Amino acid sequence: MSWKNRDSGEYDSRSEWHRIVVWGDLTKFAQTLKKGEHVYVSGELRYREYQKAIGEGSHSVTMPVAEIHATEIRRLDPRTLEDGAA
């Protein structure tokens, strides 16, 4: 994501990462994706929690996680010649 900063007039950018969970045939397709590719993901947003140990000893905290359980993934960028597609 990028935008023009109103104060400085320079362009700023930010990357956002999302946890995508895939199953079945989607796993084979997902393994062909490369870093930086634009993709369309459709699915269900699910929330869960897990326990994470903190420091030494038996202290732990509950960590919230949001996951997209994908039912469809589509590549939005055209395939490059490097990938073997014309």
PDB file of N, CA and C in Angstrom:
ATOM      1  N   MET A   1       0.850  -1.154   0.000  1.00  0.00           N
ATOM      2  CA  MET A   1       0.000   0.000   0.000  1.00  0.00           C
ATOM      3  C   MET A   1       0.905   1.228   0.000  1.00  0.00           C
ATOM      4  N   SER A   2       0.607   2.202  -0.849  1.00  0.00           N
ATOM      5  CA  SER A   2       1.394   3.432  -0.849  1.00  0.00           C
ATOM      6  C   SER A   2       0.473   4.640  -1.015  1.00  0.00           C
ATOM      7  N   TRP A   3       0.923   5.781  -0.532  1.00  0.00           N
ATOM      8  CA  TRP A   3       0.143   7.011  -0.576  1.00  0.00           C
ATOM      9  C   TRP A   3       1.089   8.204  -0.487  1.00  0.00           C
ATOM     10  N   LYS A   4       0.574   9.352  -0.860  1.00  0.00           N
ATOM     11  CA  LYS A   4       1.374  10.575  -0.800  1.00  0.00           C
ATOM     12  C   LYS A   4       1.121  11.250   0.540  1.00  0.00           C
ATOM     13  N   ASN A   5       2.190  11.537   1.277  1.00  0.00           N
ATOM     14  CA  ASN A   5       2.107  12.178   2.578  1.00  0.00           C
ATOM     15  C   ASN A   5       1.707  13.642   2.384  1.00  0.00           C
ATOM     16  N   ARG A   6       0.636  14.059   3.021  1.00  0.00           N
ATOM     17  CA  ARG A   6       0.124  15.427   2.867  1.00  0.00           C
ATOM     18  C   ARG A   6       1.098  16.475   3.397  1.00  0.00           C
ATOM     19  N   ASP A   7       1.807  16.150   4.475  1.00  0.00           N
ATOM     20  CA  ASP A   7       2.719  17.112   5.091  1.00  0.00           C
ATOM     21  C   ASP A   7       4.026  17.272   4.313  1.00  0.00           C
ATOM     22  N   SER A   8       4.648  16.166   3.945  1.00  0.00           N
ATOM     23  CA  SER A   8       5.965  16.231   3.306  1.00  0.00           C
ATOM     24  C   SER A   8       5.888  16.214   1.783  1.00  0.00           C
ATOM     25  N   GLY A   9       4.774  15.720   1.227  1.00  0.00           N
ATOM     26  CA  GLY A   9       4.659  15.603  -0.224  1.00  0.00           C
ATOM     27  C   GLY A   9       5.368  14.386  -0.792  1.00  0.00           C
ATOM     28  N   GLU A  10       6.016  13.601   0.074  1.00  0.00           N
ATOM     29  CA  GLU A  10       6.712  12.405  -0.370  1.00  0.00           C
ATOM     30  C   GLU A  10       5.781  11.192  -0.276  1.00  0.00           C
ATOM     31  N   TYR A  11       6.146  10.149  -1.010  1.00  0.00           N
ATOM     32  CA  TYR A  11       5.343   8.936  -0.982  1.00  0.00           C
ATOM     33  C   TYR A  11       5.770   8.045   0.184  1.00  0.00           C
ATOM     34  N   ASP A  12       4.799   7.536   0.908  1.00  0.00           N
ATOM     35  CA  ASP A  12       5.025   6.588   1.988  1.00  0.00           C
ATOM     36  C   ASP A  12       4.427   5.251   1.572  1.00  0.00           C
ATOM     37  N   SER A  13       4.902   4.190   2.193  1.00  0.00           N
ATOM     38  CA  SER A  13       4.342   2.871   1.903  1.00  0.00           C
ATOM     39  C   SER A  13       4.332   2.023   3.168  1.00  0.00           C
ATOM     40  N   ARG A  14       3.500   1.014   3.137  1.00  0.00           N
ATOM     41  CA  ARG A  14       3.389   0.097   4.267  1.00  0.00           C
ATOM     42  C   ARG A  14       2.970  -1.267   3.724  1.00  0.00           C
ATOM     43  N   SER A  15       3.583  -2.300   4.221  1.00  0.00           N
ATOM     44  CA  SER A  15       3.190  -3.661   3.868  1.00  0.00           C
ATOM     45  C   SER A  15       2.316  -4.214   4.974  1.00  0.00           C
ATOM     46  N   GLU A  16       1.290  -4.928   4.585  1.00  0.00           N
ATOM     47  CA  GLU A  16       0.429  -5.593   5.556  1.00  0.00           C
ATOM     48  C   GLU A  16       0.459  -7.087   5.270  1.00  0.00           C
ATOM     49  N   TRP A  17       0.636  -7.864   6.329  1.00  0.00           N
ATOM     50  CA  TRP A  17       0.736  -9.309   6.205  1.00  0.00           C
ATOM     51  C   TRP A  17      -0.493  -9.956   6.825  1.00  0.00           C
ATOM     52  N   HIS A  18      -1.015 -10.960   6.162  1.00  0.00           N
ATOM     53  CA  HIS A  18      -2.190 -11.670   6.648  1.00  0.00           C
ATOM     54  C   HIS A  18      -1.882 -13.162   6.686  1.00  0.00           C
ATOM     55  N   ARG A  19      -2.402 -13.830   7.686  1.00  0.00           N
ATOM     56  CA  ARG A  19      -2.208 -15.277   7.820  1.00  0.00           C
ATOM     57  C   ARG A  19      -3.314 -15.960   7.010  1.00  0.00           C
ATOM     58  N   ILE A  20      -2.907 -16.703   5.966  1.00  0.00           N
ATOM     59  CA  ILE A  20      -3.846 -17.404   5.102  1.00  0.00           C
ATOM     60  C   ILE A  20      -3.684 -18.903   5.344  1.00  0.00           C
ATOM     61  N   VAL A  21      -4.801 -19.583   5.598  1.00  0.00           N
ATOM     62  CA  VAL A  21      -4.792 -21.029   5.810  1.00  0.00           C
ATOM     63  C   VAL A  21      -5.411 -21.677   4.581  1.00  0.00           C
ATOM     64  N   VAL A  22      -4.700 -22.631   3.976  1.00  0.00           N
ATOM     65  CA  VAL A  22      -5.203 -23.335   2.802  1.00  0.00           C
ATOM     66  C   VAL A  22      -5.204 -24.834   3.053  1.00  0.00           C
ATOM     67  N   TRP A  23      -6.120 -25.533   2.400  1.00  0.00           N
ATOM     68  CA  TRP A  23      -6.258 -26.984   2.526  1.00  0.00           C
ATOM     69  C   TRP A  23      -6.430 -27.593   1.146  1.00  0.00           C
ATOM     70  N   GLY A  24      -6.187 -28.885   1.037  1.00  0.00           N
ATOM     71  CA  GLY A  24      -6.485 -29.637  -0.185  1.00  0.00           C
ATOM     72  C   GLY A  24      -5.728 -29.145  -1.403  1.00  0.00           C
ATOM     73  N   ASP A  25      -6.456 -29.065  -2.531  1.00  0.00           N
ATOM     74  CA  ASP A  25      -5.849 -28.687  -3.803  1.00  0.00           C
ATOM     75  C   ASP A  25      -5.288 -27.263  -3.793  1.00  0.00           C
ATOM     76  N   LEU A  26      -5.824 -26.396  -2.933  1.00  0.00           N
ATOM     77  CA  LEU A  26      -5.313 -25.026  -2.864  1.00  0.00           C
ATOM     78  C   LEU A  26      -3.859 -24.990  -2.398  1.00  0.00           C
ATOM     79  N   THR A  27      -3.426 -25.977  -1.634  1.00  0.00           N
ATOM     80  CA  THR A  27      -2.040 -25.968  -1.148  1.00  0.00           C
ATOM     81  C   THR A  27      -1.055 -26.072  -2.308  1.00  0.00           C
ATOM     82  N   LYS A  28      -1.374 -26.884  -3.316  1.00  0.00           N
ATOM     83  CA  LYS A  28      -0.480 -27.032  -4.466  1.00  0.00           C
ATOM     84  C   LYS A  28      -0.369 -25.710  -5.220  1.00  0.00           C
ATOM     85  N   PHE A  29      -1.490 -25.028  -5.419  1.00  0.00           N
ATOM     86  CA  PHE A  29      -1.463 -23.738  -6.111  1.00  0.00           C
ATOM     87  C   PHE A  29      -0.721 -22.702  -5.274  1.00  0.00           C
ATOM     88  N   ALA A  30      -0.976 -22.661  -3.976  1.00  0.00           N
ATOM     89  CA  ALA A  30      -0.347 -21.672  -3.101  1.00  0.00           C
ATOM     90  C   ALA A  30       1.174 -21.829  -3.105  1.00  0.00           C
ATOM     91  N   GLN A  31       1.663 -23.034  -3.259  1.00  0.00           N
ATOM     92  CA  GLN A  31       3.110 -23.272  -3.279  1.00  0.00           C
ATOM     93  C   GLN A  31       3.769 -22.701  -4.527  1.00  0.00           C
ATOM     94  N   THR A  32       2.995 -22.402  -5.573  1.00  0.00           N
ATOM     95  CA  THR A  32       3.562 -21.833  -6.796  1.00  0.00           C
ATOM     96  C   THR A  32       3.665 -20.313  -6.723  1.00  0.00           C
ATOM     97  N   LEU A  33       3.068 -19.691  -5.715  1.00  0.00           N
ATOM     98  CA  LEU A  33       3.088 -18.236  -5.593  1.00  0.00           C
ATOM     99  C   LEU A  33       4.459 -17.756  -5.138  1.00  0.00           C
ATOM    100  N   LYS A  34       4.819 -16.577  -5.605  1.00  0.00           N
ATOM    101  CA  LYS A  34       6.110 -15.992  -5.243  1.00  0.00           C
ATOM    102  C   LYS A  34       5.905 -14.705  -4.456  1.00  0.00           C
ATOM    103  N   LYS A  35       6.872 -14.368  -3.637  1.00  0.00           N
ATOM    104  CA  LYS A  35       6.831 -13.159  -2.833  1.00  0.00           C
ATOM    105  C   LYS A  35       6.596 -11.945  -3.728  1.00  0.00           C
ATOM    106  N   GLY A  36       5.675 -11.082  -3.330  1.00  0.00           N
ATOM    107  CA  GLY A  36       5.393  -9.861  -4.073  1.00  0.00           C
ATOM    108  C   GLY A  36       4.286  -9.985  -5.101  1.00  0.00           C
ATOM    109  N   GLU A  37       3.815 -11.208  -5.396  1.00  0.00           N
ATOM    110  CA  GLU A  37       2.728 -11.361  -6.356  1.00  0.00           C
ATOM    111  C   GLU A  37       1.427 -10.828  -5.770  1.00  0.00           C
ATOM    112  N   HIS A  38       0.609 -10.288  -6.634  1.00  0.00           N
ATOM    113  CA  HIS A  38      -0.714  -9.844  -6.211  1.00  0.00           C
ATOM    114  C   HIS A  38      -1.687 -11.003  -6.398  1.00  0.00           C
ATOM    115  N   VAL A  39      -2.454 -11.295  -5.355  1.00  0.00           N
ATOM    116  CA  VAL A  39      -3.413 -12.397  -5.415  1.00  0.00           C
ATOM    117  C   VAL A  39      -4.762 -11.953  -4.870  1.00  0.00           C
ATOM    118  N   TYR A  40      -5.794 -12.642  -5.324  1.00  0.00           N
ATOM    119  CA  TYR A  40      -7.149 -12.470  -4.802  1.00  0.00           C
ATOM    120  C   TYR A  40      -7.416 -13.664  -3.903  1.00  0.00           C
ATOM    121  N   VAL A  41      -7.836 -13.417  -2.667  1.00  0.00           N
ATOM    122  CA  VAL A  41      -8.135 -14.495  -1.725  1.00  0.00           C
ATOM    123  C   VAL A  41      -9.566 -14.332  -1.238  1.00  0.00           C
ATOM    124  N   SER A  42     -10.324 -15.408  -1.324  1.00  0.00           N
ATOM    125  CA  SER A  42     -11.688 -15.412  -0.816  1.00  0.00           C
ATOM    126  C   SER A  42     -11.782 -16.519   0.219  1.00  0.00           C
ATOM    127  N   GLY A  43     -12.487 -16.258   1.303  1.00  0.00           N
ATOM    128  CA  GLY A  43     -12.609 -17.273   2.339  1.00  0.00           C
ATOM    129  C   GLY A  43     -13.341 -16.750   3.544  1.00  0.00           C
ATOM    130  N   GLU A  44     -13.071 -17.366   4.668  1.00  0.00           N
ATOM    131  CA  GLU A  44     -13.754 -17.043   5.920  1.00  0.00           C
ATOM    132  C   GLU A  44     -12.732 -16.539   6.935  1.00  0.00           C
ATOM    133  N   LEU A  45     -13.040 -15.421   7.572  1.00  0.00           N
ATOM    134  CA  LEU A  45     -12.174 -14.871   8.604  1.00  0.00           C
ATOM    135  C   LEU A  45     -12.484 -15.580   9.920  1.00  0.00           C
ATOM    136  N   ARG A  46     -11.450 -16.156  10.535  1.00  0.00           N
ATOM    137  CA  ARG A  46     -11.633 -16.863  11.809  1.00  0.00           C
ATOM    138  C   ARG A  46     -10.642 -16.336  12.829  1.00  0.00           C
ATOM    139  N   TYR A  47     -11.067 -16.331  14.078  1.00  0.00           N
ATOM    140  CA  TYR A  47     -10.232 -15.870  15.179  1.00  0.00           C
ATOM    141  C   TYR A  47      -9.977 -17.034  16.125  1.00  0.00           C
ATOM    142  N   ARG A  48      -8.767 -17.090  16.670  1.00  0.00           N
ATOM    143  CA  ARG A  48      -8.441 -18.110  17.668  1.00  0.00           C
ATOM    144  C   ARG A  48      -7.386 -17.535  18.601  1.00  0.00           C
ATOM    145  N   GLU A  49      -7.086 -18.270  19.642  1.00  0.00           N
ATOM    146  CA  GLU A  49      -6.075 -17.850  20.611  1.00  0.00           C
ATOM    147  C   GLU A  49      -5.138 -19.018  20.871  1.00  0.00           C
ATOM    148  N   TYR A  50      -3.900 -18.693  21.264  1.00  0.00           N
ATOM    149  CA  TYR A  50      -2.964 -19.725  21.682  1.00  0.00           C
ATOM    150  C   TYR A  50      -2.122 -19.184  22.833  1.00  0.00           C
ATOM    151  N   GLN A  51      -1.534 -20.090  23.583  1.00  0.00           N
ATOM    152  CA  GLN A  51      -0.698 -19.725  24.721  1.00  0.00           C
ATOM    153  C   GLN A  51       0.753 -19.629  24.274  1.00  0.00           C
ATOM    154  N   LYS A  52       1.429 -18.554  24.680  1.00  0.00           N
ATOM    155  CA  LYS A  52       2.844 -18.359  24.336  1.00  0.00           C
ATOM    156  C   LYS A  52       3.638 -18.175  25.613  1.00  0.00           C
ATOM    157  N   ALA A  53       4.701 -18.969  25.756  1.00  0.00           N
ATOM    158  CA  ALA A  53       5.569 -18.865  26.929  1.00  0.00           C
ATOM    159  C   ALA A  53       6.356 -17.566  26.866  1.00  0.00           C
ATOM    160  N   ILE A  54       6.488 -16.913  28.002  1.00  0.00           N
ATOM    161  CA  ILE A  54       7.210 -15.649  28.099  1.00  0.00           C
ATOM    162  C   ILE A  54       8.380 -15.821  29.064  1.00  0.00           C
ATOM    163  N   GLY A  55       9.588 -15.552  28.581  1.00  0.00           N
ATOM    164  CA  GLY A  55      10.772 -15.621  29.434  1.00  0.00           C
ATOM    165  C   GLY A  55      11.025 -17.022  29.973  1.00  0.00           C
ATOM    166  N   GLU A  56      11.786 -17.061  31.052  1.00  0.00           N
ATOM    167  CA  GLU A  56      12.090 -18.336  31.688  1.00  0.00           C
ATOM    168  C   GLU A  56      11.047 -18.624  32.758  1.00  0.00           C
ATOM    169  N   GLY A  57      10.708 -19.857  32.921  1.00  0.00           N
ATOM    170  CA  GLY A  57       9.713 -20.210  33.927  1.00  0.00           C
ATOM    171  C   GLY A  57       8.400 -20.616  33.266  1.00  0.00           C
ATOM    172  N   SER A  58       7.336 -20.537  34.041  1.00  0.00           N
ATOM    173  CA  SER A  58       6.052 -21.033  33.556  1.00  0.00           C
ATOM    174  C   SER A  58       5.068 -19.917  33.212  1.00  0.00           C
ATOM    175  N   HIS A  59       5.568 -18.709  32.940  1.00  0.00           N
ATOM    176  CA  HIS A  59       4.682 -17.605  32.591  1.00  0.00           C
ATOM    177  C   HIS A  59       4.267 -17.712  31.126  1.00  0.00           C
ATOM    178  N   SER A  60       2.993 -17.469  30.856  1.00  0.00           N
ATOM    179  CA  SER A  60       2.519 -17.474  29.477  1.00  0.00           C
ATOM    180  C   SER A  60       1.440 -16.420  29.313  1.00  0.00           C
ATOM    181  N   VAL A  61       1.247 -16.025  28.080  1.00  0.00           N
ATOM    182  CA  VAL A  61       0.205 -15.057  27.752  1.00  0.00           C
ATOM    183  C   VAL A  61      -0.664 -15.645  26.649  1.00  0.00           C
ATOM    184  N   THR A  62      -1.891 -15.172  26.570  1.00  0.00           N
ATOM    185  CA  THR A  62      -2.796 -15.597  25.521  1.00  0.00           C
ATOM    186  C   THR A  62      -2.618 -14.659  24.330  1.00  0.00           C
ATOM    187  N   MET A  63      -2.318 -15.229  23.175  1.00  0.00           N
ATOM    188  CA  MET A  63      -2.082 -14.457  21.956  1.00  0.00           C
ATOM    189  C   MET A  63      -3.270 -14.626  21.011  1.00  0.00           C
ATOM    190  N   PRO A  64      -3.896 -13.521  20.583  1.00  0.00           N
ATOM    191  CA  PRO A  64      -4.980 -13.625  19.614  1.00  0.00           C
ATOM    192  C   PRO A  64      -4.430 -13.729  18.187  1.00  0.00           C
ATOM    193  N   VAL A  65      -5.115 -14.480  17.329  1.00  0.00           N
ATOM    194  CA  VAL A  65      -4.708 -14.647  15.940  1.00  0.00           C
ATOM    195  C   VAL A  65      -5.943 -14.527  15.052  1.00  0.00           C
ATOM    196  N   ALA A  66      -5.825 -13.780  13.964  1.00  0.00           N
ATOM    197  CA  ALA A  66      -6.868 -13.716  12.939  1.00  0.00           C
ATOM    198  C   ALA A  66      -6.330 -14.442  11.712  1.00  0.00           C
ATOM    199  N   GLU A  67      -7.109 -15.378  11.166  1.00  0.00           N
ATOM    200  CA  GLU A  67      -6.692 -16.159  10.006  1.00  0.00           C
ATOM    201  C   GLU A  67      -7.776 -16.096   8.937  1.00  0.00           C
ATOM    202  N   ILE A  68      -7.351 -16.099   7.686  1.00  0.00           N
ATOM    203  CA  ILE A  68      -8.283 -16.227   6.574  1.00  0.00           C
ATOM    204  C   ILE A  68      -8.200 -17.671   6.113  1.00  0.00           C
ATOM    205  N   HIS A  69      -9.294 -18.418   6.259  1.00  0.00           N
ATOM    206  CA  HIS A  69      -9.359 -19.796   5.778  1.00  0.00           C
ATOM    207  C   HIS A  69      -9.843 -19.737   4.335  1.00  0.00           C
ATOM    208  N   ALA A  70      -8.890 -19.877   3.398  1.00  0.00           N
ATOM    209  CA  ALA A  70      -9.155 -19.642   1.986  1.00  0.00           C
ATOM    210  C   ALA A  70     -10.003 -20.739   1.360  1.00  0.00           C
ATOM    211  N   THR A  71     -10.962 -20.310   0.541  1.00  0.00           N
ATOM    212  CA  THR A  71     -11.734 -21.231  -0.294  1.00  0.00           C
ATOM    213  C   THR A  71     -11.406 -21.013  -1.760  1.00  0.00           C
ATOM    214  N   GLU A  72     -10.768 -19.865  -2.076  1.00  0.00           N
ATOM    215  CA  GLU A  72     -10.376 -19.555  -3.452  1.00  0.00           C
ATOM    216  C   GLU A  72      -9.163 -18.624  -3.430  1.00  0.00           C
ATOM    217  N   ILE A  73      -8.207 -18.898  -4.312  1.00  0.00           N
ATOM    218  CA  ILE A  73      -7.053 -18.018  -4.504  1.00  0.00           C
ATOM    219  C   ILE A  73      -6.852 -17.872  -6.003  1.00  0.00           C
ATOM    220  N   ARG A  74      -6.708 -16.622  -6.452  1.00  0.00           N
ATOM    221  CA  ARG A  74      -6.447 -16.360  -7.871  1.00  0.00           C
ATOM    222  C   ARG A  74      -5.256 -15.434  -8.007  1.00  0.00           C
ATOM    223  N   ARG A  75      -4.423 -15.726  -8.970  1.00  0.00           N
ATOM    224  CA  ARG A  75      -3.270 -14.878  -9.287  1.00  0.00           C
ATOM    225  C   ARG A  75      -3.789 -13.676 -10.075  1.00  0.00           C
ATOM    226  N   LEU A  76      -3.404 -12.461  -9.677  1.00  0.00           N
ATOM    227  CA  LEU A  76      -3.843 -11.257 -10.365  1.00  0.00           C
ATOM    228  C   LEU A  76      -2.795 -10.740 -11.344  1.00  0.00           C
ATOM    229  N   ASP A  77      -1.517 -10.990 -11.079  1.00  0.00           N
ATOM    230  CA  ASP A  77      -0.456 -10.559 -11.984  1.00  0.00           C
ATOM    231  C   ASP A  77      -0.356 -11.541 -13.144  1.00  0.00           C
ATOM    232  N   PRO A  78      -0.092 -11.037 -14.359  1.00  0.00           N
ATOM    233  CA  PRO A  78       0.135 -11.977 -15.465  1.00  0.00           C
ATOM    234  C   PRO A  78       1.403 -12.782 -15.199  1.00  0.00           C
ATOM    235  N   ARG A  79       1.387 -14.023 -15.594  1.00  0.00           N
ATOM    236  CA  ARG A  79       2.565 -14.881 -15.413  1.00  0.00           C
ATOM    237  C   ARG A  79       3.716 -14.336 -16.241  1.00  0.00           C
ATOM    238  N   THR A  80       4.911 -14.415 -15.735  1.00  0.00           N
ATOM    239  CA  THR A  80       6.080 -13.902 -16.461  1.00  0.00           C
ATOM    240  C   THR A  80       6.689 -15.007 -17.307  1.00  0.00           C
ATOM    241  N   LEU A  81       7.493 -14.624 -18.279  1.00  0.00           N
ATOM    242  CA  LEU A  81       8.189 -15.601 -19.110  1.00  0.00           C
ATOM    243  C   LEU A  81       9.125 -16.454 -18.275  1.00  0.00           C
ATOM    244  N   GLU A  82       9.631 -15.863 -17.188  1.00  0.00           N
ATOM    245  CA  GLU A  82      10.529 -16.590 -16.289  1.00  0.00           C
ATOM    246  C   GLU A  82       9.841 -17.812 -15.686  1.00  0.00           C
ATOM    247  N   ASP A  83       8.513 -17.726 -15.493  1.00  0.00           N
ATOM    248  CA  ASP A  83       7.759 -18.839 -14.916  1.00  0.00           C
ATOM    249  C   ASP A  83       7.454 -19.930 -15.946  1.00  0.00           C
ATOM    250  N   GLY A  84       7.803 -19.684 -17.199  1.00  0.00           N
ATOM    251  CA  GLY A  84       7.535 -20.685 -18.211  1.00  0.00           C
ATOM    252  C   GLY A  84       6.222 -20.473 -18.921  1.00  0.00           C
ATOM    253  N   ALA A  85       5.512 -19.400 -18.627  1.00  0.00           N
ATOM    254  CA  ALA A  85       4.249 -19.123 -19.303  1.00  0.00           C
ATOM    255  C   ALA A  85       4.463 -17.983 -20.280  1.00  0.00           C
ATOM    256  N   ALA A  86       3.747 -18.021 -21.374  1.00  0.00           N
ATOM    257  CA  ALA A  86       3.872 -16.950 -22.389  1.00  0.00           C
ATOM    258  C   ALA A  86       2.892 -15.850 -22.121  1.00  0.00           C
TER     259      ALA A  86
END
